[in-house]
Amino acid sequence: MAESLHPAATHHLPSFITPPGDTDVLMVIMAIVLLLSILGFGILFLRLHTLPERMAHRSHKLQFEIVAILGLIALFTHMHIFWIAGLLLALIDFPDFGTMMRRIAGSVEKMAGLKPGEGAEEDSPDAAERSDKPSAEATKSDGPPAPLTSQTSRTNEKELDHA
């Protein structure tokens, strides 16, 4: 190392200074540290950015899709208010009205004498087409319709009062 030094250089140089033509070890180490720190910062940023989505997914929130969309909007627009809104939505528990409404609908169908799920078929567009066409039983019977039971007639009277 001493014979390749410049004549004006001091003879007690630090160890990280390399002679010409040798590999600069300090530069290689710093390049590796720089790449690892950029990769680590990127992973930390993305983990922090998806925090609301992971929170909503872990607790099986109803609004999971909304939180995920807000996270994507925040990522692509760099507007942090969307991330904050997603975080707040992930932390809030909305009540599950769907289960309660299905139970009420099932109870009303049972009171009306319908089988479970039969009331939904009457509201569908296919049911309207079926009701336009007379059924085979309706065309065969020439007599009066079968008498209603007392519970069904009371229900129909209540419905007529409201209409």
C-alpha atoms as a PDB file:
ATOM      1  CA  MET A   1       0.000   0.000   0.000  1.00  0.00           C
ATOM      2  CA  ALA A   2       2.883   2.371   0.720  1.00  0.00           C
ATOM      3  CA  GLU A   3       4.362   2.184  -2.777  1.00  0.00           C
ATOM      4  CA  SER A   4       1.113   3.164  -4.567  1.00  0.00           C
ATOM      5  CA  LEU A   5       0.441   6.287  -2.466  1.00  0.00           C
ATOM      6  CA  HIS A   6       0.912   9.720  -3.902  1.00  0.00           C
ATOM      7  CA  PRO A   7       4.139  11.369  -2.754  1.00  0.00           C
ATOM      8  CA  ALA A   8       2.204  14.299  -1.190  1.00  0.00           C
ATOM      9  CA  ALA A   9      -0.059  11.970   0.872  1.00  0.00           C
ATOM     10  CA  THR A  10       0.649  11.289   4.505  1.00  0.00           C
ATOM     11  CA  HIS A  11       1.822   7.815   5.438  1.00  0.00           C
ATOM     12  CA  HIS A  12      -0.683   7.282   8.248  1.00  0.00           C
ATOM     13  CA  LEU A  13      -3.979   7.255   6.299  1.00  0.00           C
ATOM     14  CA  PRO A  14      -7.193   5.857   7.857  1.00  0.00           C
ATOM     15  CA  SER A  15      -8.093   2.272   7.040  1.00  0.00           C
ATOM     16  CA  PHE A  16     -11.238   3.127   5.017  1.00  0.00           C
ATOM     17  CA  ILE A  17      -9.193   4.909   2.314  1.00  0.00           C
ATOM     18  CA  THR A  18      -8.294   2.359  -0.339  1.00  0.00           C
ATOM     19  CA  PRO A  19      -5.578   2.538  -2.900  1.00  0.00           C
ATOM     20  CA  PRO A  20      -6.511   2.952  -6.567  1.00  0.00           C
ATOM     21  CA  GLY A  21      -7.823  -0.237  -8.213  1.00  0.00           C
ATOM     22  CA  ASP A  22      -8.961  -1.889  -4.936  1.00  0.00           C
ATOM     23  CA  THR A  23     -12.558  -2.403  -3.850  1.00  0.00           C
ATOM     24  CA  ASP A  24     -13.924   0.363  -1.655  1.00  0.00           C
ATOM     25  CA  VAL A  25     -15.331  -1.707   1.208  1.00  0.00           C
ATOM     26  CA  LEU A  26     -16.913   1.260   2.992  1.00  0.00           C
ATOM     27  CA  MET A  27     -18.859   2.239  -0.131  1.00  0.00           C
ATOM     28  CA  VAL A  28     -20.158  -1.328  -0.583  1.00  0.00           C
ATOM     29  CA  ILE A  29     -21.236  -1.506   3.073  1.00  0.00           C
ATOM     30  CA  MET A  30     -22.968   1.886   2.849  1.00  0.00           C
ATOM     31  CA  ALA A  31     -24.758   0.851  -0.386  1.00  0.00           C
ATOM     32  CA  ILE A  32     -26.097  -2.276   1.344  1.00  0.00           C
ATOM     33  CA  VAL A  33     -27.176  -0.253   4.395  1.00  0.00           C
ATOM     34  CA  LEU A  34     -28.894   2.291   2.115  1.00  0.00           C
ATOM     35  CA  LEU A  35     -30.801  -0.415   0.199  1.00  0.00           C
ATOM     36  CA  LEU A  36     -31.878  -2.172   3.402  1.00  0.00           C
ATOM     37  CA  SER A  37     -33.005   1.091   4.996  1.00  0.00           C
ATOM     38  CA  ILE A  38     -35.058   2.056   1.902  1.00  0.00           C
ATOM     39  CA  LEU A  39     -36.633  -1.411   1.833  1.00  0.00           C
ATOM     40  CA  GLY A  40     -37.327  -1.293   5.578  1.00  0.00           C
ATOM     41  CA  PHE A  41     -38.853   2.193   5.350  1.00  0.00           C
ATOM     42  CA  GLY A  42     -41.072   1.094   2.442  1.00  0.00           C
ATOM     43  CA  ILE A  43     -42.305  -1.965   4.318  1.00  0.00           C
ATOM     44  CA  LEU A  44     -42.960   0.127   7.434  1.00  0.00           C
ATOM     45  CA  PHE A  45     -44.844   2.730   5.372  1.00  0.00           C
ATOM     46  CA  LEU A  46     -47.041   0.130   3.657  1.00  0.00           C
ATOM     47  CA  ARG A  47     -47.719  -1.732   6.925  1.00  0.00           C
ATOM     48  CA  LEU A  48     -48.750   1.524   8.579  1.00  0.00           C
ATOM     49  CA  HIS A  49     -50.807   2.495   5.537  1.00  0.00           C
ATOM     50  CA  THR A  50     -52.788  -0.771   5.593  1.00  0.00           C
ATOM     51  CA  LEU A  51     -53.333  -0.640   9.354  1.00  0.00           C
ATOM     52  CA  PRO A  52     -57.040   0.364   9.158  1.00  0.00           C
ATOM     53  CA  GLU A  53     -57.756  -2.347   6.590  1.00  0.00           C
ATOM     54  CA  ARG A  54     -56.054  -5.013   8.684  1.00  0.00           C
ATOM     55  CA  MET A  55     -57.924  -3.843  11.799  1.00  0.00           C
ATOM     56  CA  ALA A  56     -61.295  -4.017  10.026  1.00  0.00           C
ATOM     57  CA  HIS A  57     -60.479  -7.419   8.514  1.00  0.00           C
ATOM     58  CA  ARG A  58     -59.310  -8.902  11.815  1.00  0.00           C
ATOM     59  CA  SER A  59     -62.492  -7.899  13.648  1.00  0.00           C
ATOM     60  CA  HIS A  60     -64.809  -8.867  10.732  1.00  0.00           C
ATOM     61  CA  LYS A  61     -66.367  -5.423  10.353  1.00  0.00           C
ATOM     62  CA  LEU A  62     -69.307  -4.879   8.023  1.00  0.00           C
ATOM     63  CA  GLN A  63     -67.623  -1.790   6.578  1.00  0.00           C
ATOM     64  CA  PHE A  64     -64.407  -3.632   5.603  1.00  0.00           C
ATOM     65  CA  GLU A  65     -64.760  -2.837   1.903  1.00  0.00           C
ATOM     66  CA  ILE A  66     -65.283   0.866   2.576  1.00  0.00           C
ATOM     67  CA  VAL A  67     -62.172   0.968   4.761  1.00  0.00           C
ATOM     68  CA  ALA A  68     -60.158  -0.796   2.042  1.00  0.00           C
ATOM     69  CA  ILE A  69     -61.328   1.665  -0.633  1.00  0.00           C
ATOM     70  CA  LEU A  70     -60.503   4.638   1.601  1.00  0.00           C
ATOM     71  CA  GLY A  71     -57.021   3.205   2.106  1.00  0.00           C
ATOM     72  CA  LEU A  72     -56.473   2.887  -1.645  1.00  0.00           C
ATOM     73  CA  ILE A  73     -57.727   6.413  -2.265  1.00  0.00           C
ATOM     74  CA  ALA A  74     -55.375   7.721   0.432  1.00  0.00           C
ATOM     75  CA  LEU A  75     -52.465   5.799  -1.098  1.00  0.00           C
ATOM     76  CA  PHE A  76     -52.970   7.123  -4.627  1.00  0.00           C
ATOM     77  CA  THR A  77     -54.024  10.702  -3.824  1.00  0.00           C
ATOM     78  CA  HIS A  78     -51.685  11.330  -0.844  1.00  0.00           C
ATOM     79  CA  MET A  79     -54.600  12.901   1.040  1.00  0.00           C
ATOM     80  CA  HIS A  80     -54.308  11.734   4.625  1.00  0.00           C
ATOM     81  CA  ILE A  81     -57.917  12.546   5.510  1.00  0.00           C
ATOM     82  CA  PHE A  82     -59.014   9.368   3.684  1.00  0.00           C
ATOM     83  CA  TRP A  83     -56.624   7.296   5.803  1.00  0.00           C
ATOM     84  CA  ILE A  84     -57.938   8.924   8.975  1.00  0.00           C
ATOM     85  CA  ALA A  85     -61.545   8.306   7.875  1.00  0.00           C
ATOM     86  CA  GLY A  86     -60.696   4.657   7.183  1.00  0.00           C
ATOM     87  CA  LEU A  87     -59.038   4.336  10.586  1.00  0.00           C
ATOM     88  CA  LEU A  88     -62.097   5.795  12.315  1.00  0.00           C
ATOM     89  CA  LEU A  89     -64.416   3.477  10.372  1.00  0.00           C
ATOM     90  CA  ALA A  90     -62.242   0.504  11.313  1.00  0.00           C
ATOM     91  CA  LEU A  91     -62.523   1.418  14.980  1.00  0.00           C
ATOM     92  CA  ILE A  92     -66.316   1.940  15.003  1.00  0.00           C
ATOM     93  CA  ASP A  93     -68.682  -1.008  15.481  1.00  0.00           C
ATOM     94  CA  PHE A  94     -71.855  -0.542  13.467  1.00  0.00           C
ATOM     95  CA  PRO A  95     -74.826  -2.560  14.688  1.00  0.00           C
ATOM     96  CA  ASP A  96     -75.873  -5.488  12.505  1.00  0.00           C
ATOM     97  CA  PHE A  97     -79.381  -4.532  11.411  1.00  0.00           C
ATOM     98  CA  GLY A  98     -79.485  -7.240   8.741  1.00  0.00           C
ATOM     99  CA  THR A  99     -79.780 -10.146  11.175  1.00  0.00           C
ATOM    100  CA  MET A 100     -82.479  -8.397  13.134  1.00  0.00           C
ATOM    101  CA  MET A 101     -84.465  -7.592   9.985  1.00  0.00           C
ATOM    102  CA  ARG A 102     -84.184 -11.194   8.740  1.00  0.00           C
ATOM    103  CA  ARG A 103     -85.505 -12.454  12.079  1.00  0.00           C
ATOM    104  CA  ILE A 104     -88.409 -10.004  11.949  1.00  0.00           C
ATOM    105  CA  ALA A 105     -89.188 -11.013   8.371  1.00  0.00           C
ATOM    106  CA  GLY A 106     -89.094 -14.695   9.321  1.00  0.00           C
ATOM    107  CA  SER A 107     -91.461 -14.083  12.235  1.00  0.00           C
ATOM    108  CA  VAL A 108     -93.875 -12.128  10.042  1.00  0.00           C
ATOM    109  CA  GLU A 109     -93.821 -14.921   7.441  1.00  0.00           C
ATOM    110  CA  LYS A 110     -94.549 -17.459  10.168  1.00  0.00           C
ATOM    111  CA  MET A 111     -97.457 -15.315  11.424  1.00  0.00           C
ATOM    112  CA  ALA A 112     -98.812 -15.030   7.883  1.00  0.00           C
ATOM    113  CA  GLY A 113     -98.693 -18.790   7.472  1.00  0.00           C
ATOM    114  CA  LEU A 114     -95.935 -18.777   4.843  1.00  0.00           C
ATOM    115  CA  LYS A 115     -92.942 -21.040   4.754  1.00  0.00           C
ATOM    116  CA  PRO A 116     -89.607 -19.354   5.603  1.00  0.00           C
ATOM    117  CA  GLY A 117     -88.309 -17.452   2.562  1.00  0.00           C
ATOM    118  CA  GLU A 118     -91.590 -17.785   0.682  1.00  0.00           C
ATOM    119  CA  GLY A 119     -92.495 -14.122   1.184  1.00  0.00           C
ATOM    120  CA  ALA A 120     -89.396 -12.978  -0.693  1.00  0.00           C
ATOM    121  CA  GLU A 121     -90.494 -14.904  -3.787  1.00  0.00           C
ATOM    122  CA  GLU A 122     -93.742 -12.933  -3.944  1.00  0.00           C
ATOM    123  CA  ASP A 123     -91.822  -9.646  -4.138  1.00  0.00           C
ATOM    124  CA  SER A 124     -89.515 -10.753  -6.952  1.00  0.00           C
ATOM    125  CA  PRO A 125     -90.181  -9.800 -10.618  1.00  0.00           C
ATOM    126  CA  ASP A 126     -90.569 -13.497 -11.515  1.00  0.00           C
ATOM    127  CA  ALA A 127     -93.468 -13.779  -9.085  1.00  0.00           C
ATOM    128  CA  ALA A 128     -95.282 -10.944 -10.886  1.00  0.00           C
ATOM    129  CA  GLU A 129     -95.025 -12.853 -14.170  1.00  0.00           C
ATOM    130  CA  ARG A 130     -96.306 -16.022 -12.503  1.00  0.00           C
ATOM    131  CA  SER A 131     -99.263 -14.188 -10.967  1.00  0.00           C
ATOM    132  CA  ASP A 132    -100.308 -12.843 -14.418  1.00  0.00           C
ATOM    133  CA  LYS A 133    -100.710 -16.374 -15.762  1.00  0.00           C
ATOM    134  CA  PRO A 134    -103.639 -18.331 -14.291  1.00  0.00           C
ATOM    135  CA  SER A 135    -102.593 -21.563 -12.685  1.00  0.00           C
ATOM    136  CA  ALA A 136    -104.047 -24.936 -13.679  1.00  0.00           C
ATOM    137  CA  GLU A 137    -105.841 -25.277 -10.337  1.00  0.00           C
ATOM    138  CA  ALA A 138    -107.501 -21.875 -10.694  1.00  0.00           C
ATOM    139  CA  THR A 139    -108.876 -22.734 -14.151  1.00  0.00           C
ATOM    140  CA  LYS A 140    -110.168 -26.156 -13.034  1.00  0.00           C
ATOM    141  CA  SER A 141    -112.118 -24.989  -9.993  1.00  0.00           C
ATOM    142  CA  ASP A 142    -115.407 -23.391 -10.970  1.00  0.00           C
ATOM    143  CA  GLY A 143    -116.664 -23.049  -7.415  1.00  0.00           C
ATOM    144  CA  PRO A 144    -115.946 -20.347  -4.877  1.00  0.00           C
ATOM    145  CA  PRO A 145    -112.457 -20.104  -3.392  1.00  0.00           C
ATOM    146  CA  ALA A 146    -111.665 -22.037  -0.246  1.00  0.00           C
ATOM    147  CA  PRO A 147    -112.630 -20.229   2.955  1.00  0.00           C
ATOM    148  CA  LEU A 148    -109.855 -18.411   4.780  1.00  0.00           C
ATOM    149  CA  THR A 149    -108.808 -19.421   8.240  1.00  0.00           C
ATOM    150  CA  SER A 150    -109.600 -17.030  11.044  1.00  0.00           C
ATOM    151  CA  GLN A 151    -105.962 -15.904  11.490  1.00  0.00           C
ATOM    152  CA  THR A 152    -105.489 -15.253   7.762  1.00  0.00           C
ATOM    153  CA  SER A 153    -108.744 -13.295   7.506  1.00  0.00           C
ATOM    154  CA  ARG A 154    -107.785 -11.138  10.493  1.00  0.00           C
ATOM    155  CA  THR A 155    -104.425 -10.440   8.872  1.00  0.00           C
ATOM    156  CA  ASN A 156    -106.083  -9.482   5.583  1.00  0.00           C
ATOM    157  CA  GLU A 157    -108.516  -7.165   7.402  1.00  0.00           C
ATOM    158  CA  LYS A 158    -105.607  -5.415   9.114  1.00  0.00           C
ATOM    159  CA  GLU A 159    -103.827  -5.026   5.794  1.00  0.00           C
ATOM    160  CA  LEU A 160    -106.949  -3.518   4.201  1.00  0.00           C
ATOM    161  CA  ASP A 161    -107.254  -1.038   7.077  1.00  0.00           C
ATOM    162  CA  HIS A 162    -103.717   0.200   6.418  1.00  0.00           C
ATOM    163  CA  ALA A 163    -104.124   0.423   2.652  1.00  0.00           C
END
